[in-house]
């Protein structure tokens, strides 16, 4: 299989992931060009990252990439997606695809009209740890899952994981919750560790979601503290009828009802040695739950997931399976918006409604 050739629209922090991946795995990925509309900013970007930069969509497509990655600031994604739909350009769009229910419905109407090749870059389900957790569920180790308590991801990312782990599909749900605010000390950000002791007030969202099939999710997140902090941790608990996932600990019953407790074991190459660092796998006892598709590549977990999405997008464009369909992205963002409404209602129940993108039963 030849290299995956893709173009990039955008020049922000998230767009840089797609540049790094092409540079770190050049035998698999080729970034053909980056679209930056402002010529001055584009020239500075080209020099900084040593990539080809163009200023128009026509110039971007002149190199004939298999698809484009849309990674632009929130609030402008919907309109840009509509332009790409009209031109029949395959696109992998960063999350979220829209900012309100009206824009989500506009996107779905355009999708039905143009039938574009589009997928959304929701990366967490292919991150190593989340993929390993889901494998525990998929293999039936803890039995039928009935509830999940997730304190690791914000908004639509959290909703995406909840729907996947609970297997609720496009079911409606009733939700209620509240947004609190607490003070926390800054320890880490995108620029690195912080030692100045600066404090800031951070919101903490607590929402309960009760789905039609009886499964329940407890959503809990403090954004942005939990993404970049040494004193606010990730927490996950998934309870099934035969056991539970409690972060890195898996408790389950054998078919003879013997209780077993095991811990997920992460295998990274180059730790305490002279081999270049890279992630390899996650194991539960003798069982591999996850193996990286990019052995020996020096990628962090999020970069592994994004590279995986690029590879899957290439397969999809070539006629393969969908990666993370637009309808799923629309549903996740819709539920995220409803969570905001529920928190504003202060524990008054909010019930979702079936949307145009939901498949018929």
Protein backbone atom coordinates (compact mmCIF):
# COMPACT_ATOMS: atom_id res chain seq x y z
CA UNK A 1 0.00 0.00 0.00
CA UNK A 2 1.35 3.44 -0.94
CA UNK A 3 1.65 6.41 1.30
CA UNK A 4 -1.53 8.10 2.48
CA UNK A 5 -1.59 11.55 0.88
CA UNK A 6 -3.69 14.18 2.62
CA UNK A 7 -3.92 17.96 2.69
CA UNK A 8 -4.56 20.14 5.72
CA UNK A 9 -6.79 23.17 6.20
CA UNK A 10 -5.86 25.09 9.33
CA UNK A 11 -2.83 26.30 11.25
CA UNK A 12 -3.78 26.06 14.94
CA UNK A 13 -2.53 23.87 17.77
CA UNK A 14 -4.62 20.89 16.69
CA UNK A 15 -3.53 21.17 13.07
CA UNK A 16 0.07 20.66 14.16
CA UNK A 17 -0.73 17.03 15.05
CA UNK A 18 -1.27 16.26 11.37
CA UNK A 19 2.07 17.83 10.50
CA UNK A 20 3.99 15.92 13.17
CA UNK A 21 2.48 12.59 12.14
CA UNK A 22 3.60 13.03 8.53
CA UNK A 23 7.11 13.86 9.71
CA UNK A 24 7.30 11.01 12.24
CA UNK A 25 5.94 8.28 9.93
CA UNK A 26 6.97 9.44 6.43
CA UNK A 27 6.77 5.91 5.05
CA UNK A 28 3.00 5.85 5.79
CA UNK A 29 1.85 9.46 5.51
CA UNK A 30 2.46 12.38 3.17
CA UNK A 31 1.17 15.87 3.87
CA UNK A 32 0.77 17.44 0.43
CA UNK A 33 0.10 21.04 1.51
CA UNK A 34 -1.43 23.25 4.19
CA UNK A 35 -4.04 25.90 3.44
CA UNK A 36 -3.51 29.19 5.28
CA UNK A 37 -5.55 31.98 3.71
CA UNK A 38 -3.41 34.89 4.94
CA UNK A 39 -0.23 34.99 2.77
CA UNK A 40 1.88 36.60 5.50
CA UNK A 41 0.82 34.11 8.15
CA UNK A 42 1.18 31.33 5.61
CA UNK A 43 4.78 32.24 4.81
CA UNK A 44 5.68 32.31 8.50
CA UNK A 45 3.94 28.96 9.02
CA UNK A 46 5.77 27.38 6.08
CA UNK A 47 9.12 28.50 7.46
CA UNK A 48 8.35 27.36 11.00
CA UNK A 49 7.13 23.86 10.11
CA UNK A 50 8.93 23.32 6.81
CA UNK A 51 5.77 22.43 4.94
CA UNK A 52 4.23 23.57 1.68
CA UNK A 53 1.65 26.31 2.30
CA UNK A 54 -0.97 27.54 -0.17
CA UNK A 55 -3.60 30.26 0.13
CA UNK A 56 -6.61 28.89 -1.79
CA UNK A 57 -8.60 25.69 -1.91
CA UNK A 58 -7.88 25.29 -5.63
CA UNK A 59 -4.13 25.36 -4.94
CA UNK A 60 -4.59 22.85 -2.13
CA UNK A 61 -6.38 20.37 -4.39
CA UNK A 62 -3.88 20.78 -7.26
CA UNK A 63 -1.64 18.18 -5.57
CA UNK A 64 -4.53 15.66 -5.71
CA UNK A 65 -4.60 14.51 -2.07
CA UNK A 66 -6.85 11.55 -1.26
CA UNK A 67 -8.71 13.75 1.23
CA UNK A 68 -8.36 16.93 3.23
CA UNK A 69 -8.24 17.35 7.00
CA UNK A 70 -10.31 20.27 8.24
CA UNK A 71 -8.78 21.61 11.45
CA UNK A 72 -9.93 25.18 11.91
CA UNK A 73 -11.24 27.14 14.88
CA UNK A 74 -14.65 26.36 16.31
CA UNK A 75 -17.55 28.34 14.94
CA UNK A 76 -16.37 28.22 11.34
CA UNK A 77 -16.36 24.45 10.75
CA UNK A 78 -19.97 24.08 9.58
CA UNK A 79 -19.77 26.60 6.75
CA UNK A 80 -16.42 25.25 5.56
CA UNK A 81 -17.77 21.71 5.56
CA UNK A 82 -20.68 22.83 3.39
CA UNK A 83 -18.21 24.27 0.86
CA UNK A 84 -16.31 20.99 0.76
CA UNK A 85 -19.54 19.02 0.37
CA UNK A 86 -20.52 21.17 -2.63
CA UNK A 87 -17.16 20.52 -4.28
CA UNK A 88 -17.27 16.77 -3.56
CA UNK A 89 -13.95 16.87 -1.65
CA UNK A 90 -13.48 14.00 0.82
CA UNK A 91 -12.91 15.45 4.28
CA UNK A 92 -11.88 14.34 7.74
CA UNK A 93 -13.20 17.12 9.99
CA UNK A 94 -12.01 17.91 13.49
CA UNK A 95 -14.59 17.97 16.29
CA UNK A 96 -17.17 19.36 16.73
CA UNK A 97 -18.85 19.71 13.32
CA UNK A 98 -21.30 22.36 14.54
CA UNK A 99 -21.96 24.66 17.49
CA UNK A 100 -25.76 24.54 17.83
CA UNK A 101 -28.68 22.31 16.89
CA UNK A 102 -29.53 24.44 13.86
CA UNK A 103 -26.04 24.05 12.38
CA UNK A 104 -26.11 20.30 13.07
CA UNK A 105 -29.39 19.98 11.18
CA UNK A 106 -28.04 22.12 8.30
CA UNK A 107 -25.08 19.78 8.01
CA UNK A 108 -27.28 16.71 7.92
CA UNK A 109 -29.54 18.23 5.25
CA UNK A 110 -26.44 19.00 3.16
CA UNK A 111 -25.12 15.49 3.73
CA UNK A 112 -28.36 13.97 2.45
CA UNK A 113 -28.24 16.26 -0.58
CA UNK A 114 -24.58 15.79 -1.59
CA UNK A 115 -23.77 12.36 -0.08
CA UNK A 116 -20.16 13.46 0.54
CA UNK A 117 -17.22 11.36 1.69
CA UNK A 118 -16.95 12.77 5.20
CA UNK A 119 -15.84 11.46 8.56
CA UNK A 120 -15.17 13.21 11.86
CA UNK A 121 -11.91 13.00 13.80
CA UNK A 122 -13.23 11.81 17.17
CA UNK A 123 -10.00 10.23 18.32
CA UNK A 124 -10.58 8.87 21.81
CA UNK A 125 -12.09 5.52 20.89
CA UNK A 126 -8.84 4.65 19.10
CA UNK A 127 -6.52 5.97 21.80
CA UNK A 128 -4.62 3.01 23.33
CA UNK A 129 -6.17 3.08 26.81
CA UNK A 130 -9.74 3.71 25.67
CA UNK A 131 -9.44 1.07 22.97
CA UNK A 132 -8.18 -1.41 25.60
CA UNK A 133 -11.07 -0.60 27.92
CA UNK A 134 -13.56 -1.14 25.11
CA UNK A 135 -11.92 -4.46 24.23
CA UNK A 136 -12.66 -5.65 27.77
CA UNK A 137 -16.33 -4.89 27.13
CA UNK A 138 -16.32 -6.24 23.57
CA UNK A 139 -14.80 -9.55 24.71
CA UNK A 140 -17.53 -9.96 27.34
CA UNK A 141 -15.09 -10.08 30.25
CA UNK A 142 -17.33 -8.04 32.58
CA UNK A 143 -20.64 -9.07 30.99
CA UNK A 144 -23.44 -6.75 29.97
CA UNK A 145 -22.57 -3.17 30.85
CA UNK A 146 -25.26 -1.28 32.77
CA UNK A 147 -23.63 1.91 34.01
CA UNK A 148 -20.54 4.03 33.53
CA UNK A 149 -18.97 6.77 35.62
CA UNK A 150 -16.65 8.85 33.44
CA UNK A 151 -14.45 11.68 34.65
CA UNK A 152 -11.86 12.00 31.91
CA UNK A 153 -13.21 13.80 28.83
CA UNK A 154 -15.21 16.95 28.19
CA UNK A 155 -18.53 17.39 26.40
CA UNK A 156 -18.91 15.59 23.09
CA UNK A 157 -15.75 13.49 23.68
CA UNK A 158 -17.24 12.18 26.91
CA UNK A 159 -20.63 11.59 25.27
CA UNK A 160 -18.96 9.67 22.44
CA UNK A 161 -17.30 7.34 24.92
CA UNK A 162 -20.46 6.94 26.99
CA UNK A 163 -22.57 5.96 23.97
CA UNK A 164 -19.92 3.53 22.78
CA UNK A 165 -19.30 1.88 26.14
CA UNK A 166 -23.01 1.56 26.95
CA UNK A 167 -24.01 0.59 23.42
CA UNK A 168 -26.93 3.03 23.42
CA UNK A 169 -26.71 3.99 19.77
CA UNK A 170 -29.11 6.85 19.03
CA UNK A 171 -31.45 6.28 21.95
CA UNK A 172 -32.94 9.27 23.68
CA UNK A 173 -32.16 9.94 27.31
CA UNK A 174 -33.21 12.03 30.26
CA UNK A 175 -30.46 14.04 31.91
CA UNK A 176 -30.10 16.29 34.90
CA UNK A 177 -27.14 17.96 36.49
CA UNK A 178 -25.36 21.15 37.49
CA UNK A 179 -22.17 23.10 36.84
CA UNK A 180 -20.08 23.92 39.91
CA UNK A 181 -16.99 26.10 40.24
CA UNK A 182 -13.92 25.30 42.36
CA UNK A 183 -10.48 26.80 42.77
CA UNK A 184 -7.44 24.79 41.65
CA UNK A 185 -3.71 25.46 41.36
CA UNK A 186 -2.16 25.47 37.89
CA UNK A 187 0.45 22.71 37.44
CA UNK A 188 0.66 21.99 33.73
CA UNK A 189 -0.40 23.47 30.39
CA UNK A 190 0.29 23.19 26.69
CA UNK A 191 3.58 25.04 27.24
CA UNK A 192 4.78 22.63 29.96
CA UNK A 193 4.92 22.42 33.76
CA UNK A 194 4.11 25.40 35.96
CA UNK A 195 5.58 26.04 39.42
CA UNK A 196 4.38 29.57 40.20
CA UNK A 197 1.41 28.42 42.29
CA UNK A 198 -1.11 30.44 40.30
CA UNK A 199 -4.71 29.53 41.11
CA UNK A 200 -7.77 29.79 38.91
CA UNK A 201 -11.46 28.97 39.19
CA UNK A 202 -12.40 25.93 37.14
CA UNK A 203 -15.92 24.68 36.34
CA UNK A 204 -16.88 21.12 37.24
CA UNK A 205 -19.79 19.54 35.38
CA UNK A 206 -21.86 16.78 36.99
CA UNK A 207 -24.61 15.23 34.84
CA UNK A 208 -26.59 11.99 35.05
CA UNK A 209 -27.85 10.50 31.77
CA UNK A 210 -30.58 7.83 31.85
CA UNK A 211 -31.03 6.06 28.50
CA UNK A 212 -34.12 4.31 27.14
CA UNK A 213 -32.60 0.83 27.57
CA UNK A 214 -32.11 1.38 31.32
CA UNK A 215 -28.37 2.03 31.21
CA UNK A 216 -27.06 5.04 33.11
CA UNK A 217 -24.03 7.30 32.71
CA UNK A 218 -22.57 9.58 35.36
CA UNK A 219 -20.64 12.33 33.61
CA UNK A 220 -18.14 14.32 35.65
CA UNK A 221 -15.50 16.66 34.26
CA UNK A 222 -13.50 19.71 35.24
CA UNK A 223 -12.37 21.54 32.10
CA UNK A 224 -9.56 22.41 31.48
CA UNK A 225 -8.01 21.21 34.75
CA UNK A 226 -8.31 17.47 34.09
CA UNK A 227 -6.64 17.60 30.69
CA UNK A 228 -3.54 19.41 31.92
CA UNK A 229 -2.94 18.79 35.61
CA UNK A 230 -0.85 16.72 37.99
CA UNK A 231 -3.40 17.11 40.82
CA UNK A 232 -6.67 16.43 38.97
CA UNK A 233 -6.74 12.85 37.78
CA UNK A 234 -8.67 10.82 35.21
CA UNK A 235 -11.27 8.43 36.66
CA UNK A 236 -13.34 5.75 34.96
CA UNK A 237 -15.61 3.04 36.35
CA UNK A 238 -17.70 0.76 34.14
CA UNK A 239 -19.89 -1.83 35.83
CA UNK A 240 -21.08 -4.98 34.10
CA UNK A 241 -23.06 -7.89 35.50
CA UNK A 242 -19.88 -10.06 35.76
CA UNK A 243 -17.40 -7.44 36.84
CA UNK A 244 -16.14 -3.89 36.46
CA UNK A 245 -13.44 -1.74 34.96
CA UNK A 246 -12.08 0.53 37.67
CA UNK A 247 -9.55 2.68 35.82
CA UNK A 248 -6.52 0.38 35.37
CA UNK A 249 -7.96 -2.42 37.54
CA UNK A 250 -10.25 -5.05 36.00
CA UNK A 251 -12.36 -7.23 38.31
CA UNK A 252 -14.39 -10.07 36.84
CA UNK A 253 -15.83 -13.52 37.43
CA UNK A 254 -14.70 -16.63 35.62
CA UNK A 255 -17.37 -18.91 34.17
CA UNK A 256 -17.09 -20.83 37.46
CA UNK A 257 -17.85 -17.59 39.32
CA UNK A 258 -14.33 -17.31 40.70
CA UNK A 259 -13.49 -13.62 41.31
CA UNK A 260 -10.34 -12.38 39.54
CA UNK A 261 -8.56 -9.04 39.84
CA UNK A 262 -6.02 -7.98 37.23
CA UNK A 263 -4.31 -4.73 36.28
CA UNK A 264 -3.81 -3.34 32.80
CA UNK A 265 -0.13 -3.51 31.89
CA UNK A 266 1.21 -0.87 29.53
CA UNK A 267 4.19 -1.86 27.37
CA UNK A 268 6.38 1.00 26.15
CA UNK A 269 9.63 0.29 24.36
CA UNK A 270 12.78 2.11 25.38
CA UNK A 271 11.86 2.62 29.04
CA UNK A 272 15.01 2.43 31.20
CA UNK A 273 16.97 1.40 28.12
CA UNK A 274 18.66 2.80 25.02
CA UNK A 275 15.98 1.94 22.45
CA UNK A 276 14.00 4.92 21.16
CA UNK A 277 10.81 5.37 23.14
CA UNK A 278 7.55 4.18 21.57
CA UNK A 279 4.29 2.69 22.72
CA UNK A 280 3.69 -0.97 21.89
CA UNK A 281 0.67 -2.49 23.63
CA UNK A 282 -1.68 -2.83 26.59
CA UNK A 283 -2.17 -6.26 28.16
CA UNK A 284 -4.47 -7.86 30.72
CA UNK A 285 -2.64 -10.88 32.09
CA UNK A 286 -1.60 -12.92 29.04
CA UNK A 287 -4.15 -11.20 26.77
CA UNK A 288 -3.29 -8.36 24.40
CA UNK A 289 -6.10 -5.82 24.54
CA UNK A 290 -4.44 -3.31 22.25
CA UNK A 291 -1.42 -3.16 19.94
CA UNK A 292 -0.34 0.04 18.24
CA UNK A 293 -0.69 0.07 14.45
CA UNK A 294 2.54 2.09 14.29
CA UNK A 295 5.29 0.05 15.95
CA UNK A 296 8.45 2.02 16.80
CA UNK A 297 6.84 5.36 15.93
CA UNK A 298 7.57 8.03 18.54
CA UNK A 299 3.98 9.18 18.98
CA UNK A 300 2.07 10.07 22.12
CA UNK A 301 -1.30 8.41 22.68
CA UNK A 302 -3.30 11.17 21.02
CA UNK A 303 -0.97 11.20 18.02
CA UNK A 304 -1.36 7.42 17.71
CA UNK A 305 -5.13 7.87 17.66
CA UNK A 306 -5.02 10.68 15.08
CA UNK A 307 -2.67 8.66 12.85
CA UNK A 308 -5.07 5.72 13.16
CA UNK A 309 -7.94 7.98 12.06
CA UNK A 310 -5.92 9.11 9.03
CA UNK A 311 -5.26 5.49 8.04
CA UNK A 312 -8.92 4.56 8.50
CA UNK A 313 -10.03 7.62 6.55
CA UNK A 314 -7.84 6.54 3.63
CA UNK A 315 -9.47 3.10 3.71
CA UNK A 316 -12.93 4.68 3.83
CA UNK A 317 -12.23 6.93 0.84
CA UNK A 318 -11.02 3.86 -1.06
CA UNK A 319 -14.34 2.10 -0.40
CA UNK A 320 -13.81 0.69 3.09
CA UNK A 321 -15.79 0.97 6.31
CA UNK A 322 -16.76 4.23 7.94
CA UNK A 323 -14.54 5.49 10.74
CA UNK A 324 -16.70 7.74 12.88
CA UNK A 325 -19.70 8.74 10.75
CA UNK A 326 -21.09 12.25 10.61
CA UNK A 327 -24.38 11.10 12.15
CA UNK A 328 -22.49 9.93 15.27
CA UNK A 329 -20.65 13.23 15.55
CA UNK A 330 -23.94 15.11 15.22
CA UNK A 331 -25.58 12.97 17.91
CA UNK A 332 -22.66 13.39 20.30
CA UNK A 333 -22.65 17.16 19.89
CA UNK A 334 -26.44 17.27 20.22
CA UNK A 335 -26.29 15.42 23.55
CA UNK A 336 -23.46 17.71 24.61
CA UNK A 337 -25.67 20.74 23.92
CA UNK A 338 -28.50 19.12 25.86
CA UNK A 339 -26.12 18.56 28.79
CA UNK A 340 -25.45 22.30 28.80
CA UNK A 341 -29.19 22.91 28.90
CA UNK A 342 -29.61 20.41 31.75
CA UNK A 343 -26.87 22.03 33.82
CA UNK A 344 -28.42 25.45 33.29
CA UNK A 345 -31.72 24.00 34.55
CA UNK A 346 -30.11 23.02 37.87
CA UNK A 347 -31.20 19.36 38.22
CA UNK A 348 -34.51 19.83 36.41
CA UNK A 349 -34.87 16.88 33.99
CA UNK A 350 -34.14 17.49 30.30
CA UNK A 351 -35.21 14.83 27.79
CA UNK A 352 -33.64 14.58 24.34
CA UNK A 353 -35.61 14.20 21.11
CA UNK A 354 -34.99 12.09 18.02
CA UNK A 355 -33.12 14.13 15.40
CA UNK A 356 -33.11 13.89 11.57
CA UNK A 357 -29.76 12.08 11.50
CA UNK A 358 -30.93 9.26 13.77
CA UNK A 359 -31.41 6.03 11.80
CA UNK A 360 -34.89 4.56 11.70
CA UNK A 361 -35.48 1.70 14.14
